[in-house]
Amino acid sequence: MLEEWQTSWKNGDTDRKIYNIMPSVSLRPTNWIREDVILFSQHGPFPAYLKRSHLSDNDYCSCGGIGTALRYATECIYTVSWDMRKPAPNFELESLKSVANNLVSRHKLRGIVKFMSENRDLFRPP
């Protein structure tokens, strides 16, 4: 059963964001909560995702940058108080894996997603 599941997970043809962080299936739960899934899947209140899904006309945050999950976590002026550093482009995947496995980092990211959910108007495109 696990082999079949792993093969299906490995050969999936949909978005691979979670697969890239967790390439192996397991019967052990990840202990991720809603905010973790939103951030790591990048499917949530992010303008870049909303535009890609044809739910918005543009992908900009109200602060002027492209509204991706990574940008909100590391660069957006509205979330800078969470103090997350942007990784170099060639280390983005390794950084995401590290954050996904670090409870303190995940708590920071959860705070960002909760803040965004509570202040949706602040993050709407201009």
PDB file of N, CA and C in Angstrom:
ATOM      1  N   MET A   1       0.814  -1.188   0.000  1.00  0.00           N
ATOM      2  CA  MET A   1       0.000   0.000   0.000  1.00  0.00           C
ATOM      3  C   MET A   1       0.867   1.266   0.000  1.00  0.00           C
ATOM      4  N   LEU A   2       1.886   1.310   0.861  1.00  0.00           N
ATOM      5  CA  LEU A   2       2.758   2.486   0.910  1.00  0.00           C
ATOM      6  C   LEU A   2       3.511   2.677  -0.397  1.00  0.00           C
ATOM      7  N   GLU A   3       3.938   1.577  -1.010  1.00  0.00           N
ATOM      8  CA  GLU A   3       4.652   1.681  -2.292  1.00  0.00           C
ATOM      9  C   GLU A   3       3.762   2.287  -3.373  1.00  0.00           C
ATOM     10  N   GLU A   4       2.525   1.842  -3.414  1.00  0.00           N
ATOM     11  CA  GLU A   4       1.576   2.374  -4.390  1.00  0.00           C
ATOM     12  C   GLU A   4       1.341   3.869  -4.156  1.00  0.00           C
ATOM     13  N   TRP A   5       1.161   4.219  -2.905  1.00  0.00           N
ATOM     14  CA  TRP A   5       0.934   5.614  -2.533  1.00  0.00           C
ATOM     15  C   TRP A   5       2.144   6.461  -2.912  1.00  0.00           C
ATOM     16  N   GLN A   6       3.348   5.954  -2.600  1.00  0.00           N
ATOM     17  CA  GLN A   6       4.571   6.686  -2.922  1.00  0.00           C
ATOM     18  C   GLN A   6       4.708   6.879  -4.429  1.00  0.00           C
ATOM     19  N   THR A   7       4.408   5.844  -5.196  1.00  0.00           N
ATOM     20  CA  THR A   7       4.489   5.947  -6.655  1.00  0.00           C
ATOM     21  C   THR A   7       3.511   6.991  -7.176  1.00  0.00           C
ATOM     22  N   SER A   8       2.304   6.960  -6.653  1.00  0.00           N
ATOM     23  CA  SER A   8       1.294   7.935  -7.058  1.00  0.00           C
ATOM     24  C   SER A   8       1.727   9.354  -6.681  1.00  0.00           C
ATOM     25  N   TRP A   9       2.277   9.516  -5.486  1.00  0.00           N
ATOM     26  CA  TRP A   9       2.751  10.827  -5.009  1.00  0.00           C
ATOM     27  C   TRP A   9       3.916  11.316  -5.867  1.00  0.00           C
ATOM     28  N   LYS A  10       4.840  10.417  -6.180  1.00  0.00           N
ATOM     29  CA  LYS A  10       6.021  10.779  -6.967  1.00  0.00           C
ATOM     30  C   LYS A  10       5.656  11.152  -8.405  1.00  0.00           C
ATOM     31  N   ASN A  11       4.699  10.452  -8.977  1.00  0.00           N
ATOM     32  CA  ASN A  11       4.353  10.651 -10.384  1.00  0.00           C
ATOM     33  C   ASN A  11       3.179  11.601 -10.596  1.00  0.00           C
ATOM     34  N   GLY A  12       2.734  12.263  -9.551  1.00  0.00           N
ATOM     35  CA  GLY A  12       1.613  13.190  -9.679  1.00  0.00           C
ATOM     36  C   GLY A  12       1.909  14.282 -10.695  1.00  0.00           C
ATOM     37  N   ASP A  13       0.867  14.766 -11.344  1.00  0.00           N
ATOM     38  CA  ASP A  13       1.083  15.780 -12.378  1.00  0.00           C
ATOM     39  C   ASP A  13       0.474  17.132 -12.005  1.00  0.00           C
ATOM     40  N   THR A  14       0.083  17.287 -10.754  1.00  0.00           N
ATOM     41  CA  THR A  14      -0.434  18.585 -10.316  1.00  0.00           C
ATOM     42  C   THR A  14       0.691  19.379  -9.666  1.00  0.00           C
ATOM     43  N   ASP A  15       0.343  20.523  -9.142  1.00  0.00           N
ATOM     44  CA  ASP A  15       1.326  21.396  -8.511  1.00  0.00           C
ATOM     45  C   ASP A  15       2.186  20.614  -7.513  1.00  0.00           C
ATOM     46  N   ARG A  16       3.483  20.799  -7.534  1.00  0.00           N
ATOM     47  CA  ARG A  16       4.408  19.966  -6.766  1.00  0.00           C
ATOM     48  C   ARG A  16       5.005  20.672  -5.548  1.00  0.00           C
ATOM     49  N   LYS A  17       4.391  21.754  -5.082  1.00  0.00           N
ATOM     50  CA  LYS A  17       4.976  22.516  -3.986  1.00  0.00           C
ATOM     51  C   LYS A  17       5.128  21.690  -2.704  1.00  0.00           C
ATOM     52  N   ILE A  18       4.100  20.975  -2.303  1.00  0.00           N
ATOM     53  CA  ILE A  18       4.188  20.149  -1.100  1.00  0.00           C
ATOM     54  C   ILE A  18       5.107  18.956  -1.356  1.00  0.00           C
ATOM     55  N   TYR A  19       5.003  18.347  -2.521  1.00  0.00           N
ATOM     56  CA  TYR A  19       5.884  17.221  -2.859  1.00  0.00           C
ATOM     57  C   TYR A  19       7.351  17.634  -2.749  1.00  0.00           C
ATOM     58  N   ASN A  20       7.680  18.831  -3.207  1.00  0.00           N
ATOM     59  CA  ASN A  20       9.069  19.285  -3.151  1.00  0.00           C
ATOM     60  C   ASN A  20       9.568  19.436  -1.720  1.00  0.00           C
ATOM     61  N   ILE A  21       8.671  19.701  -0.787  1.00  0.00           N
ATOM     62  CA  ILE A  21       9.047  19.817   0.622  1.00  0.00           C
ATOM     63  C   ILE A  21       9.054  18.445   1.284  1.00  0.00           C
ATOM     64  N   MET A  22       8.071  17.623   0.953  1.00  0.00           N
ATOM     65  CA  MET A  22       7.922  16.282   1.534  1.00  0.00           C
ATOM     66  C   MET A  22       7.796  15.251   0.422  1.00  0.00           C
ATOM     67  N   PRO A  23       8.917  14.795  -0.134  1.00  0.00           N
ATOM     68  CA  PRO A  23       8.843  13.859  -1.257  1.00  0.00           C
ATOM     69  C   PRO A  23       8.458  12.428  -0.874  1.00  0.00           C
ATOM     70  N   SER A  24       8.475  12.111   0.415  1.00  0.00           N
ATOM     71  CA  SER A  24       8.149  10.745   0.839  1.00  0.00           C
ATOM     72  C   SER A  24       6.831  10.708   1.597  1.00  0.00           C
ATOM     73  N   VAL A  25       6.017   9.715   1.286  1.00  0.00           N
ATOM     74  CA  VAL A  25       4.769   9.532   2.015  1.00  0.00           C
ATOM     75  C   VAL A  25       5.071   8.878   3.356  1.00  0.00           C
ATOM     76  N   SER A  26       4.162   9.039   4.289  1.00  0.00           N
ATOM     77  CA  SER A  26       4.352   8.464   5.612  1.00  0.00           C
ATOM     78  C   SER A  26       3.002   8.295   6.284  1.00  0.00           C
ATOM     79  N   LEU A  27       2.917   7.319   7.159  1.00  0.00           N
ATOM     80  CA  LEU A  27       1.703   7.136   7.944  1.00  0.00           C
ATOM     81  C   LEU A  27       1.703   8.039   9.175  1.00  0.00           C
ATOM     82  N   ARG A  28       2.831   8.677   9.437  1.00  0.00           N
ATOM     83  CA  ARG A  28       2.914   9.614  10.570  1.00  0.00           C
ATOM     84  C   ARG A  28       2.372  10.975  10.142  1.00  0.00           C
ATOM     85  N   PRO A  29       1.521  11.580  10.954  1.00  0.00           N
ATOM     86  CA  PRO A  29       0.999  12.905  10.592  1.00  0.00           C
ATOM     87  C   PRO A  29       2.094  13.969  10.649  1.00  0.00           C
ATOM     88  N   THR A  30       1.928  15.009   9.853  1.00  0.00           N
ATOM     89  CA  THR A  30       2.912  16.094   9.816  1.00  0.00           C
ATOM     90  C   THR A  30       2.702  17.103  10.927  1.00  0.00           C
ATOM     91  N   ASN A  31       1.543  17.089  11.543  1.00  0.00           N
ATOM     92  CA  ASN A  31       1.168  18.081  12.558  1.00  0.00           C
ATOM     93  C   ASN A  31       1.078  19.481  11.978  1.00  0.00           C
ATOM     94  N   TRP A  32       0.800  19.567  10.700  1.00  0.00           N
ATOM     95  CA  TRP A  32       0.565  20.863  10.078  1.00  0.00           C
ATOM     96  C   TRP A  32      -0.865  21.290  10.368  1.00  0.00           C
ATOM     97  N   ILE A  33      -1.036  22.585  10.569  1.00  0.00           N
ATOM     98  CA  ILE A  33      -2.373  23.133  10.716  1.00  0.00           C
ATOM     99  C   ILE A  33      -2.716  23.905   9.443  1.00  0.00           C
ATOM    100  N   ARG A  34      -3.916  24.442   9.399  1.00  0.00           N
ATOM    101  CA  ARG A  34      -4.426  25.133   8.212  1.00  0.00           C
ATOM    102  C   ARG A  34      -3.432  26.149   7.660  1.00  0.00           C
ATOM    103  N   GLU A  35      -2.880  26.981   8.523  1.00  0.00           N
ATOM    104  CA  GLU A  35      -1.962  28.031   8.076  1.00  0.00           C
ATOM    105  C   GLU A  35      -0.710  27.459   7.424  1.00  0.00           C
ATOM    106  N   ASP A  36      -0.226  26.336   7.923  1.00  0.00           N
ATOM    107  CA  ASP A  36       0.948  25.691   7.320  1.00  0.00           C
ATOM    108  C   ASP A  36       0.627  25.249   5.892  1.00  0.00           C
ATOM    109  N   VAL A  37      -0.514  24.611   5.726  1.00  0.00           N
ATOM    110  CA  VAL A  37      -0.914  24.123   4.404  1.00  0.00           C
ATOM    111  C   VAL A  37      -1.083  25.295   3.439  1.00  0.00           C
ATOM    112  N   ILE A  38      -1.729  26.357   3.898  1.00  0.00           N
ATOM    113  CA  ILE A  38      -1.924  27.541   3.052  1.00  0.00           C
ATOM    114  C   ILE A  38      -0.583  28.093   2.594  1.00  0.00           C
ATOM    115  N   LEU A  39       0.350  28.239   3.511  1.00  0.00           N
ATOM    116  CA  LEU A  39       1.619  28.853   3.151  1.00  0.00           C
ATOM    117  C   LEU A  39       2.487  27.940   2.282  1.00  0.00           C
ATOM    118  N   PHE A  40       2.634  26.689   2.665  1.00  0.00           N
ATOM    119  CA  PHE A  40       3.526  25.809   1.912  1.00  0.00           C
ATOM    120  C   PHE A  40       2.953  25.398   0.556  1.00  0.00           C
ATOM    121  N   SER A  41       1.628  25.310   0.454  1.00  0.00           N
ATOM    122  CA  SER A  41       1.021  25.000  -0.846  1.00  0.00           C
ATOM    123  C   SER A  41       0.919  26.250  -1.711  1.00  0.00           C
ATOM    124  N   GLN A  42       0.991  27.406  -1.065  1.00  0.00           N
ATOM    125  CA  GLN A  42       0.860  28.713  -1.715  1.00  0.00           C
ATOM    126  C   GLN A  42      -0.520  28.878  -2.343  1.00  0.00           C
ATOM    127  N   HIS A  43      -1.503  28.140  -1.804  1.00  0.00           N
ATOM    128  CA  HIS A  43      -2.896  28.256  -2.229  1.00  0.00           C
ATOM    129  C   HIS A  43      -3.641  28.955  -1.111  1.00  0.00           C
ATOM    130  N   GLY A  44      -3.849  30.221  -1.273  1.00  0.00           N
ATOM    131  CA  GLY A  44      -4.526  30.973  -0.226  1.00  0.00           C
ATOM    132  C   GLY A  44      -4.758  32.397  -0.658  1.00  0.00           C
ATOM    133  N   PRO A  45      -4.730  33.325   0.280  1.00  0.00           N
ATOM    134  CA  PRO A  45      -5.079  34.716  -0.025  1.00  0.00           C
ATOM    135  C   PRO A  45      -3.939  35.491  -0.685  1.00  0.00           C
ATOM    136  N   PHE A  46      -3.156  34.815  -1.487  1.00  0.00           N
ATOM    137  CA  PHE A  46      -2.001  35.449  -2.126  1.00  0.00           C
ATOM    138  C   PHE A  46      -2.391  35.915  -3.527  1.00  0.00           C
ATOM    139  N   PRO A  47      -2.224  37.198  -3.833  1.00  0.00           N
ATOM    140  CA  PRO A  47      -2.628  37.706  -5.146  1.00  0.00           C
ATOM    141  C   PRO A  47      -2.049  36.924  -6.323  1.00  0.00           C
ATOM    142  N   ALA A  48      -0.824  36.451  -6.217  1.00  0.00           N
ATOM    143  CA  ALA A  48      -0.230  35.680  -7.316  1.00  0.00           C
ATOM    144  C   ALA A  48      -1.026  34.391  -7.559  1.00  0.00           C
ATOM    145  N   TYR A  49      -1.432  33.737  -6.486  1.00  0.00           N
ATOM    146  CA  TYR A  49      -2.252  32.523  -6.613  1.00  0.00           C
ATOM    147  C   TYR A  49      -3.637  32.860  -7.164  1.00  0.00           C
ATOM    148  N   LEU A  50      -4.237  33.927  -6.642  1.00  0.00           N
ATOM    149  CA  LEU A  50      -5.582  34.308  -7.086  1.00  0.00           C
ATOM    150  C   LEU A  50      -5.601  34.643  -8.575  1.00  0.00           C
ATOM    151  N   LYS A  51      -4.552  35.314  -9.054  1.00  0.00           N
ATOM    152  CA  LYS A  51      -4.493  35.626 -10.487  1.00  0.00           C
ATOM    153  C   LYS A  51      -4.281  34.352 -11.304  1.00  0.00           C
ATOM    154  N   ARG A  52      -3.364  33.501 -10.847  1.00  0.00           N
ATOM    155  CA  ARG A  52      -3.085  32.246 -11.548  1.00  0.00           C
ATOM    156  C   ARG A  52      -4.347  31.380 -11.641  1.00  0.00           C
ATOM    157  N   SER A  53      -5.215  31.482 -10.631  1.00  0.00           N
ATOM    158  CA  SER A  53      -6.460  30.709 -10.603  1.00  0.00           C
ATOM    159  C   SER A  53      -7.625  31.458 -11.240  1.00  0.00           C
ATOM    160  N   HIS A  54      -7.333  32.589 -11.879  1.00  0.00           N
ATOM    161  CA  HIS A  54      -8.341  33.418 -12.551  1.00  0.00           C
ATOM    162  C   HIS A  54      -9.408  33.938 -11.586  1.00  0.00           C
ATOM    163  N   LEU A  55      -8.982  34.224 -10.341  1.00  0.00           N
ATOM    164  CA  LEU A  55      -9.891  34.785  -9.345  1.00  0.00           C
ATOM    165  C   LEU A  55      -9.611  36.263  -9.100  1.00  0.00           C
ATOM    166  N   SER A  56      -8.604  36.788  -9.797  1.00  0.00           N
ATOM    167  CA  SER A  56      -8.242  38.196  -9.668  1.00  0.00           C
ATOM    168  C   SER A  56      -7.628  38.656 -10.985  1.00  0.00           C
ATOM    169  N   ASP A  57      -7.686  39.959 -11.211  1.00  0.00           N
ATOM    170  CA  ASP A  57      -7.127  40.514 -12.446  1.00  0.00           C
ATOM    171  C   ASP A  57      -5.638  40.821 -12.356  1.00  0.00           C
ATOM    172  N   ASN A  58      -5.118  40.961 -11.135  1.00  0.00           N
ATOM    173  CA  ASN A  58      -3.683  41.221 -11.030  1.00  0.00           C
ATOM    174  C   ASN A  58      -3.089  40.475  -9.848  1.00  0.00           C
ATOM    175  N   ASP A  59      -1.776  40.415  -9.825  1.00  0.00           N
ATOM    176  CA  ASP A  59      -1.086  39.632  -8.799  1.00  0.00           C
ATOM    177  C   ASP A  59      -0.291  40.494  -7.824  1.00  0.00           C
ATOM    178  N   TYR A  60      -0.653  41.765  -7.708  1.00  0.00           N
ATOM    179  CA  TYR A  60       0.091  42.682  -6.848  1.00  0.00           C
ATOM    180  C   TYR A  60      -0.542  42.829  -5.472  1.00  0.00           C
ATOM    181  N   CYS A  61       0.311  42.948  -4.481  1.00  0.00           N
ATOM    182  CA  CYS A  61      -0.086  43.303  -3.124  1.00  0.00           C
ATOM    183  C   CYS A  61      -0.311  44.817  -3.109  1.00  0.00           C
ATOM    184  N   SER A  62      -1.032  45.304  -2.138  1.00  0.00           N
ATOM    185  CA  SER A  62      -1.272  46.743  -2.060  1.00  0.00           C
ATOM    186  C   SER A  62       0.008  47.528  -1.791  1.00  0.00           C
ATOM    187  N   CYS A  63       1.066  46.857  -1.357  1.00  0.00           N
ATOM    188  CA  CYS A  63       2.341  47.558  -1.144  1.00  0.00           C
ATOM    189  C   CYS A  63       3.144  47.670  -2.441  1.00  0.00           C
ATOM    190  N   GLY A  64       2.637  47.064  -3.538  1.00  0.00           N
ATOM    191  CA  GLY A  64       3.263  47.241  -4.840  1.00  0.00           C
ATOM    192  C   GLY A  64       4.038  46.064  -5.383  1.00  0.00           C
ATOM    193  N   GLY A  65       4.332  45.063  -4.579  1.00  0.00           N
ATOM    194  CA  GLY A  65       5.085  43.905  -5.060  1.00  0.00           C
ATOM    195  C   GLY A  65       4.169  42.770  -5.480  1.00  0.00           C
ATOM    196  N   ILE A  66       4.741  41.799  -6.171  1.00  0.00           N
ATOM    197  CA  ILE A  66       3.989  40.603  -6.557  1.00  0.00           C
ATOM    198  C   ILE A  66       3.640  39.842  -5.275  1.00  0.00           C
ATOM    199  N   GLY A  67       2.376  39.533  -5.098  1.00  0.00           N
ATOM    200  CA  GLY A  67       1.900  38.931  -3.857  1.00  0.00           C
ATOM    201  C   GLY A  67       2.039  37.429  -3.785  1.00  0.00           C
ATOM    202  N   THR A  68       3.260  36.944  -3.577  1.00  0.00           N
ATOM    203  CA  THR A  68       3.493  35.509  -3.400  1.00  0.00           C
ATOM    204  C   THR A  68       3.631  35.195  -1.914  1.00  0.00           C
ATOM    205  N   ALA A  69       3.487  33.933  -1.565  1.00  0.00           N
ATOM    206  CA  ALA A  69       3.648  33.520  -0.175  1.00  0.00           C
ATOM    207  C   ALA A  69       5.048  33.870   0.329  1.00  0.00           C
ATOM    208  N   LEU A  70       6.064  33.612  -0.488  1.00  0.00           N
ATOM    209  CA  LEU A  70       7.441  33.906  -0.081  1.00  0.00           C
ATOM    210  C   LEU A  70       7.643  35.398   0.152  1.00  0.00           C
ATOM    211  N   ARG A  71       7.073  36.211  -0.710  1.00  0.00           N
ATOM    212  CA  ARG A  71       7.229  37.658  -0.555  1.00  0.00           C
ATOM    213  C   ARG A  71       6.570  38.140   0.737  1.00  0.00           C
ATOM    214  N   TYR A  72       5.367  37.638   1.029  1.00  0.00           N
ATOM    215  CA  TYR A  72       4.707  38.035   2.275  1.00  0.00           C
ATOM    216  C   TYR A  72       5.516  37.596   3.490  1.00  0.00           C
ATOM    217  N   ALA A  73       6.137  36.445   3.398  1.00  0.00           N
ATOM    218  CA  ALA A  73       6.909  35.935   4.531  1.00  0.00           C
ATOM    219  C   ALA A  73       8.234  36.660   4.718  1.00  0.00           C
ATOM    220  N   THR A  74       8.760  37.278   3.660  1.00  0.00           N
ATOM    221  CA  THR A  74      10.126  37.812   3.760  1.00  0.00           C
ATOM    222  C   THR A  74      10.300  39.277   3.408  1.00  0.00           C
ATOM    223  N   GLU A  75       9.436  39.864   2.582  1.00  0.00           N
ATOM    224  CA  GLU A  75       9.710  41.205   2.072  1.00  0.00           C
ATOM    225  C   GLU A  75       8.606  42.237   2.264  1.00  0.00           C
ATOM    226  N   CYS A  76       7.375  41.808   2.361  1.00  0.00           N
ATOM    227  CA  CYS A  76       6.255  42.750   2.391  1.00  0.00           C
ATOM    228  C   CYS A  76       6.357  43.677   3.605  1.00  0.00           C
ATOM    229  N   ILE A  77       6.139  44.965   3.388  1.00  0.00           N
ATOM    230  CA  ILE A  77       6.253  45.933   4.488  1.00  0.00           C
ATOM    231  C   ILE A  77       5.218  45.681   5.581  1.00  0.00           C
ATOM    232  N   TYR A  78       4.121  45.022   5.250  1.00  0.00           N
ATOM    233  CA  TYR A  78       3.080  44.761   6.246  1.00  0.00           C
ATOM    234  C   TYR A  78       3.410  43.585   7.162  1.00  0.00           C
ATOM    235  N   THR A  79       4.366  42.756   6.771  1.00  0.00           N
ATOM    236  CA  THR A  79       4.705  41.581   7.587  1.00  0.00           C
ATOM    237  C   THR A  79       6.167  41.576   8.029  1.00  0.00           C
ATOM    238  N   VAL A  80       6.852  42.680   7.841  1.00  0.00           N
ATOM    239  CA  VAL A  80       8.283  42.740   8.148  1.00  0.00           C
ATOM    240  C   VAL A  80       8.565  42.469   9.633  1.00  0.00           C
ATOM    241  N   SER A  81       7.608  42.726  10.502  1.00  0.00           N
ATOM    242  CA  SER A  81       7.838  42.521  11.938  1.00  0.00           C
ATOM    243  C   SER A  81       8.028  41.047  12.302  1.00  0.00           C
ATOM    244  N   TRP A  82       7.684  40.139  11.394  1.00  0.00           N
ATOM    245  CA  TRP A  82       7.913  38.717  11.671  1.00  0.00           C
ATOM    246  C   TRP A  82       9.362  38.319  11.395  1.00  0.00           C
ATOM    247  N   ASP A  83      10.125  39.191  10.776  1.00  0.00           N
ATOM    248  CA  ASP A  83      11.571  39.025  10.635  1.00  0.00           C
ATOM    249  C   ASP A  83      11.997  37.696  10.014  1.00  0.00           C
ATOM    250  N   MET A  84      11.448  37.380   8.855  1.00  0.00           N
ATOM    251  CA  MET A  84      11.874  36.189   8.123  1.00  0.00           C
ATOM    252  C   MET A  84      12.800  36.650   7.003  1.00  0.00           C
ATOM    253  N   ARG A  85      13.910  35.986   6.841  1.00  0.00           N
ATOM    254  CA  ARG A  85      14.870  36.358   5.791  1.00  0.00           C
ATOM    255  C   ARG A  85      14.552  35.658   4.485  1.00  0.00           C
ATOM    256  N   LYS A  86      14.722  36.404   3.395  1.00  0.00           N
ATOM    257  CA  LYS A  86      14.506  35.817   2.073  1.00  0.00           C
ATOM    258  C   LYS A  86      15.739  35.009   1.680  1.00  0.00           C
ATOM    259  N   PRO A  87      15.552  33.741   1.309  1.00  0.00           N
ATOM    260  CA  PRO A  87      16.700  32.936   0.879  1.00  0.00           C
ATOM    261  C   PRO A  87      17.138  33.323  -0.531  1.00  0.00           C
ATOM    262  N   ALA A  88      18.380  33.049  -0.835  1.00  0.00           N
ATOM    263  CA  ALA A  88      18.863  33.233  -2.207  1.00  0.00           C
ATOM    264  C   ALA A  88      18.038  32.311  -3.105  1.00  0.00           C
ATOM    265  N   PRO A  89      17.762  32.730  -4.342  1.00  0.00           N
ATOM    266  CA  PRO A  89      16.904  31.921  -5.226  1.00  0.00           C
ATOM    267  C   PRO A  89      17.324  30.457  -5.340  1.00  0.00           C
ATOM    268  N   ASN A  90      18.613  30.196  -5.359  1.00  0.00           N
ATOM    269  CA  ASN A  90      19.065  28.806  -5.505  1.00  0.00           C
ATOM    270  C   ASN A  90      18.920  28.002  -4.206  1.00  0.00           C
ATOM    271  N   PHE A  91      18.526  28.661  -3.096  1.00  0.00           N
ATOM    272  CA  PHE A  91      18.333  27.963  -1.822  1.00  0.00           C
ATOM    273  C   PHE A  91      16.884  28.005  -1.346  1.00  0.00           C
ATOM    274  N   GLU A  92      15.961  28.460  -2.192  1.00  0.00           N
ATOM    275  CA  GLU A  92      14.559  28.585  -1.773  1.00  0.00           C
ATOM    276  C   GLU A  92      13.973  27.253  -1.323  1.00  0.00           C
ATOM    277  N   LEU A  93      14.179  26.197  -2.092  1.00  0.00           N
ATOM    278  CA  LEU A  93      13.606  24.903  -1.743  1.00  0.00           C
ATOM    279  C   LEU A  93      14.186  24.375  -0.437  1.00  0.00           C
ATOM    280  N   GLU A  94      15.507  24.463  -0.285  1.00  0.00           N
ATOM    281  CA  GLU A  94      16.132  23.999   0.956  1.00  0.00           C
ATOM    282  C   GLU A  94      15.646  24.809   2.149  1.00  0.00           C
ATOM    283  N   SER A  95      15.466  26.101   1.943  1.00  0.00           N
ATOM    284  CA  SER A  95      14.961  26.965   3.005  1.00  0.00           C
ATOM    285  C   SER A  95      13.539  26.569   3.396  1.00  0.00           C
ATOM    286  N   LEU A  96      12.683  26.313   2.407  1.00  0.00           N
ATOM    287  CA  LEU A  96      11.312  25.886   2.697  1.00  0.00           C
ATOM    288  C   LEU A  96      11.290  24.572   3.474  1.00  0.00           C
ATOM    289  N   LYS A  97      12.144  23.638   3.085  1.00  0.00           N
ATOM    290  CA  LYS A  97      12.224  22.364   3.802  1.00  0.00           C
ATOM    291  C   LYS A  97      12.641  22.592   5.247  1.00  0.00           C
ATOM    292  N   SER A  98      13.617  23.459   5.442  1.00  0.00           N
ATOM    293  CA  SER A  98      14.097  23.764   6.786  1.00  0.00           C
ATOM    294  C   SER A  98      13.001  24.404   7.633  1.00  0.00           C
ATOM    295  N   VAL A  99      12.312  25.373   7.063  1.00  0.00           N
ATOM    296  CA  VAL A  99      11.227  26.050   7.779  1.00  0.00           C
ATOM    297  C   VAL A  99      10.103  25.063   8.092  1.00  0.00           C
ATOM    298  N   ALA A 100       9.775  24.193   7.147  1.00  0.00           N
ATOM    299  CA  ALA A 100       8.701  23.219   7.350  1.00  0.00           C
ATOM    300  C   ALA A 100       9.011  22.281   8.509  1.00  0.00           C
ATOM    301  N   ASN A 101      10.277  22.053   8.776  1.00  0.00           N
ATOM    302  CA  ASN A 101      10.681  21.147   9.850  1.00  0.00           C
ATOM    303  C   ASN A 101      11.054  21.865  11.139  1.00  0.00           C
ATOM    304  N   ASN A 102      10.866  23.183  11.191  1.00  0.00           N
ATOM    305  CA  ASN A 102      11.242  23.966  12.364  1.00  0.00           C
ATOM    306  C   ASN A 102       9.988  24.602  12.961  1.00  0.00           C
ATOM    307  N   LEU A 103       9.608  24.160  14.152  1.00  0.00           N
ATOM    308  CA  LEU A 103       8.367  24.628  14.765  1.00  0.00           C
ATOM    309  C   LEU A 103       8.373  26.131  15.028  1.00  0.00           C
ATOM    310  N   VAL A 104       9.499  26.691  15.436  1.00  0.00           N
ATOM    311  CA  VAL A 104       9.578  28.136  15.696  1.00  0.00           C
ATOM    312  C   VAL A 104       9.321  28.912  14.400  1.00  0.00           C
ATOM    313  N   SER A 105       9.944  28.486  13.316  1.00  0.00           N
ATOM    314  CA  SER A 105       9.725  29.143  12.021  1.00  0.00           C
ATOM    315  C   SER A 105       8.281  28.994  11.566  1.00  0.00           C
ATOM    316  N   ARG A 106       7.714  27.805  11.768  1.00  0.00           N
ATOM    317  CA  ARG A 106       6.318  27.600  11.375  1.00  0.00           C
ATOM    318  C   ARG A 106       5.379  28.481  12.189  1.00  0.00           C
ATOM    319  N   HIS A 107       5.689  28.712  13.454  1.00  0.00           N
ATOM    320  CA  HIS A 107       4.864  29.616  14.270  1.00  0.00           C
ATOM    321  C   HIS A 107       4.892  31.031  13.703  1.00  0.00           C
ATOM    322  N   LYS A 108       6.054  31.479  13.249  1.00  0.00           N
ATOM    323  CA  LYS A 108       6.143  32.805  12.623  1.00  0.00           C
ATOM    324  C   LYS A 108       5.273  32.868  11.373  1.00  0.00           C
ATOM    325  N   LEU A 109       5.377  31.847  10.538  1.00  0.00           N
ATOM    326  CA  LEU A 109       4.596  31.820   9.304  1.00  0.00           C
ATOM    327  C   LEU A 109       3.097  31.749   9.592  1.00  0.00           C
ATOM    328  N   ARG A 110       2.733  31.006  10.620  1.00  0.00           N
ATOM    329  CA  ARG A 110       1.321  30.936  11.006  1.00  0.00           C
ATOM    330  C   ARG A 110       0.820  32.320  11.399  1.00  0.00           C
ATOM    331  N   GLY A 111       1.665  33.067  12.094  1.00  0.00           N
ATOM    332  CA  GLY A 111       1.300  34.428  12.484  1.00  0.00           C
ATOM    333  C   GLY A 111       1.056  35.308  11.273  1.00  0.00           C
ATOM    334  N   ILE A 112       1.889  35.157  10.257  1.00  0.00           N
ATOM    335  CA  ILE A 112       1.723  35.947   9.027  1.00  0.00           C
ATOM    336  C   ILE A 112       0.399  35.600   8.345  1.00  0.00           C
ATOM    337  N   VAL A 113       0.112  34.304   8.195  1.00  0.00           N
ATOM    338  CA  VAL A 113      -1.124  33.889   7.525  1.00  0.00           C
ATOM    339  C   VAL A 113      -2.344  34.349   8.325  1.00  0.00           C
ATOM    340  N   LYS A 114      -2.287  34.233   9.644  1.00  0.00           N
ATOM    341  CA  LYS A 114      -3.406  34.700  10.473  1.00  0.00           C
ATOM    342  C   LYS A 114      -3.583  36.208  10.332  1.00  0.00           C
ATOM    343  N   PHE A 115      -2.483  36.951  10.342  1.00  0.00           N
ATOM    344  CA  PHE A 115      -2.541  38.403  10.180  1.00  0.00           C
ATOM    345  C   PHE A 115      -3.168  38.763   8.837  1.00  0.00           C
ATOM    346  N   MET A 116      -2.768  38.052   7.797  1.00  0.00           N
ATOM    347  CA  MET A 116      -3.338  38.303   6.466  1.00  0.00           C
ATOM    348  C   MET A 116      -4.836  38.012   6.451  1.00  0.00           C
ATOM    349  N   SER A 117      -5.244  36.930   7.100  1.00  0.00           N
ATOM    350  CA  SER A 117      -6.663  36.571   7.134  1.00  0.00           C
ATOM    351  C   SER A 117      -7.482  37.609   7.894  1.00  0.00           C
ATOM    352  N   GLU A 118      -6.905  38.148   8.958  1.00  0.00           N
ATOM    353  CA  GLU A 118      -7.609  39.134   9.778  1.00  0.00           C
ATOM    354  C   GLU A 118      -7.592  40.527   9.167  1.00  0.00           C
ATOM    355  N   ASN A 119      -6.698  40.778   8.218  1.00  0.00           N
ATOM    356  CA  ASN A 119      -6.536  42.110   7.622  1.00  0.00           C
ATOM    357  C   ASN A 119      -6.577  42.043   6.100  1.00  0.00           C
ATOM    358  N   ARG A 120      -7.527  41.337   5.563  1.00  0.00           N
ATOM    359  CA  ARG A 120      -7.615  41.117   4.107  1.00  0.00           C
ATOM    360  C   ARG A 120      -7.590  42.417   3.308  1.00  0.00           C
ATOM    361  N   ASP A 121      -8.265  43.440   3.794  1.00  0.00           N
ATOM    362  CA  ASP A 121      -8.314  44.712   3.054  1.00  0.00           C
ATOM    363  C   ASP A 121      -6.934  45.319   2.864  1.00  0.00           C
ATOM    364  N   LEU A 122      -6.063  45.103   3.821  1.00  0.00           N
ATOM    365  CA  LEU A 122      -4.706  45.638   3.744  1.00  0.00           C
ATOM    366  C   LEU A 122      -3.922  45.021   2.587  1.00  0.00           C
ATOM    367  N   PHE A 123      -4.237  43.790   2.236  1.00  0.00           N
ATOM    368  CA  PHE A 123      -3.471  43.057   1.226  1.00  0.00           C
ATOM    369  C   PHE A 123      -4.129  43.027  -0.149  1.00  0.00           C
ATOM    370  N   ARG A 124      -5.245  43.689  -0.284  1.00  0.00           N
ATOM    371  CA  ARG A 124      -5.922  43.726  -1.589  1.00  0.00           C
ATOM    372  C   ARG A 124      -5.091  44.515  -2.591  1.00  0.00           C
ATOM    373  N   PRO A 125      -5.127  44.103  -3.849  1.00  0.00           N
ATOM    374  CA  PRO A 125      -4.380  44.837  -4.879  1.00  0.00           C
ATOM    375  C   PRO A 125      -4.861  46.281  -4.979  1.00  0.00           C
ATOM    376  N   PRO A 126      -3.958  47.188  -5.382  1.00  0.00           N
ATOM    377  CA  PRO A 126      -4.328  48.606  -5.506  1.00  0.00           C
ATOM    378  C   PRO A 126      -5.345  48.832  -6.622  1.00  0.00           C
TER     379      PRO A 126
END
